Each structure stands twice: as C-alpha cells, then as structure tokens.
Amino acid sequence: MLTGAWHAARAGLSSSRPEPLYFWFYFVFVNSIWVVIPALVLWRAACQVTRAAAATEALCALSHVVRELPSHSARCAA
C-alpha cells in the first residue's frame, strides 16, 4: 500500500486521495470548534459580569445620594 503523497512523488502518478480534505476539515475545522465556542461563551460571560459590576456601582452611587434605599447600602463598600 502506498500513500497518496509518496505514490505521487515516487511513481509520478496522481491520485484522488482526500488527505488534504481530511486535514483541513477534520483536523483544523472540527477542532477549531473546541476553541471558538468556549471563547465566545467566555466573552459573553465577561460582558455580563462587566455590565453587572457597572450596574452595582451605579446603584451604590445612587444609594449614597438618595438615602432612601437602605436595602442596597449593605452591598456598597463605602
């Protein structure tokens, strides 16, 4: 049995073996899914944490100005 690349180089024959397809589709594309999807999930989580922190800061600033919100003052580090 000869592989496609060795067969083409040694015998000067070309074959239609799909090794490049296997490499680019199965190895690169399918494995990149394991990188891209978790990266998107982490990005979305980081954005939500940033928005939540900004909302907490705004709420703390508001509770320091308006003293009518005693339930929120316990969360503020003042």
Protein backbone atom coordinates (compact mmCIF):
# COMPACT_ATOMS: atom_id res chain seq x y z
CA MET A 1 0.00 0.00 0.00
CA LEU A 2 1.31 3.37 -0.96
CA THR A 3 0.17 6.65 0.47
CA GLY A 4 -1.06 9.36 -1.83
CA ALA A 5 1.89 11.77 -1.41
CA TRP A 6 4.58 9.07 -1.66
CA HIS A 7 2.86 7.46 -4.60
CA ALA A 8 2.65 10.76 -6.47
CA ALA A 9 6.31 11.59 -5.82
CA ARG A 10 7.75 8.11 -6.48
CA ALA A 11 5.70 6.88 -9.39
CA GLY A 12 4.77 10.25 -10.86
CA LEU A 13 1.13 9.34 -10.64
CA SER A 14 -1.58 11.48 -9.24
CA SER A 15 -4.38 10.09 -7.17
CA SER A 16 -7.57 11.48 -5.77
CA ARG A 17 -6.94 10.56 -2.15
CA PRO A 18 -8.52 13.15 0.13
CA GLU A 19 -5.74 13.66 2.73
CA PRO A 20 -5.83 17.48 2.41
CA LEU A 21 -9.58 17.38 2.91
CA TYR A 22 -9.18 15.23 6.00
CA PHE A 23 -6.56 17.59 7.40
CA TRP A 24 -8.38 20.87 6.74
CA PHE A 25 -11.89 19.70 7.54
CA TYR A 26 -11.50 17.18 10.32
CA PHE A 27 -8.31 18.38 11.98
CA VAL A 28 -8.50 22.16 11.54
CA PHE A 29 -12.20 23.00 11.20
CA VAL A 30 -13.73 20.46 13.57
CA ASN A 31 -11.08 21.05 16.24
CA SER A 32 -11.40 24.82 15.91
CA ILE A 33 -14.98 24.46 17.14
CA TRP A 34 -13.48 23.44 20.52
CA VAL A 35 -11.66 26.78 20.62
CA VAL A 36 -14.21 29.18 19.12
CA ILE A 37 -17.33 28.19 21.07
CA PRO A 38 -15.74 28.32 24.55
CA ALA A 39 -14.09 31.64 23.62
CA LEU A 40 -17.49 33.07 22.67
CA VAL A 41 -19.03 31.78 25.90
CA LEU A 42 -16.22 33.33 27.95
CA TRP A 43 -16.55 36.64 26.07
CA ARG A 44 -20.31 36.76 26.69
CA ALA A 45 -19.85 35.93 30.39
CA ALA A 46 -17.19 38.63 30.76
CA CYS A 47 -19.52 41.19 29.16
CA GLN A 48 -22.35 40.24 31.52
CA VAL A 49 -20.08 40.46 34.57
CA THR A 50 -18.87 43.89 33.43
CA ARG A 51 -22.46 45.11 32.98
CA ALA A 52 -23.46 43.73 36.39
CA ALA A 53 -20.49 45.44 38.06
CA ALA A 54 -21.34 48.74 36.37
CA ALA A 55 -24.97 48.44 37.45
CA THR A 56 -23.90 47.73 41.04
CA GLU A 57 -21.60 50.74 41.03
CA ALA A 58 -24.40 52.93 39.68
CA LEU A 59 -26.77 51.60 42.32
CA CYS A 60 -24.22 52.28 45.07
CA ALA A 61 -23.69 55.81 43.80
CA LEU A 62 -27.44 56.36 43.75
CA SER A 63 -27.88 54.98 47.27
CA HIS A 64 -25.22 57.34 48.60
CA VAL A 65 -27.01 60.29 47.06
CA VAL A 66 -30.53 59.22 47.98
CA ARG A 67 -30.53 57.75 51.48
CA GLU A 68 -33.98 56.26 50.96
CA LEU A 69 -32.52 52.98 49.69
CA PRO A 70 -31.18 51.27 52.83
CA SER A 71 -31.53 47.75 51.39
CA HIS A 72 -28.87 48.44 48.77
CA SER A 73 -26.36 50.15 51.01
CA ALA A 74 -25.23 46.84 52.51
CA ARG A 75 -23.77 45.82 49.11
CA CYS A 76 -21.76 49.02 48.72
CA ALA A 77 -18.24 49.22 50.08
CA ALA A 78 -18.37 52.72 51.47
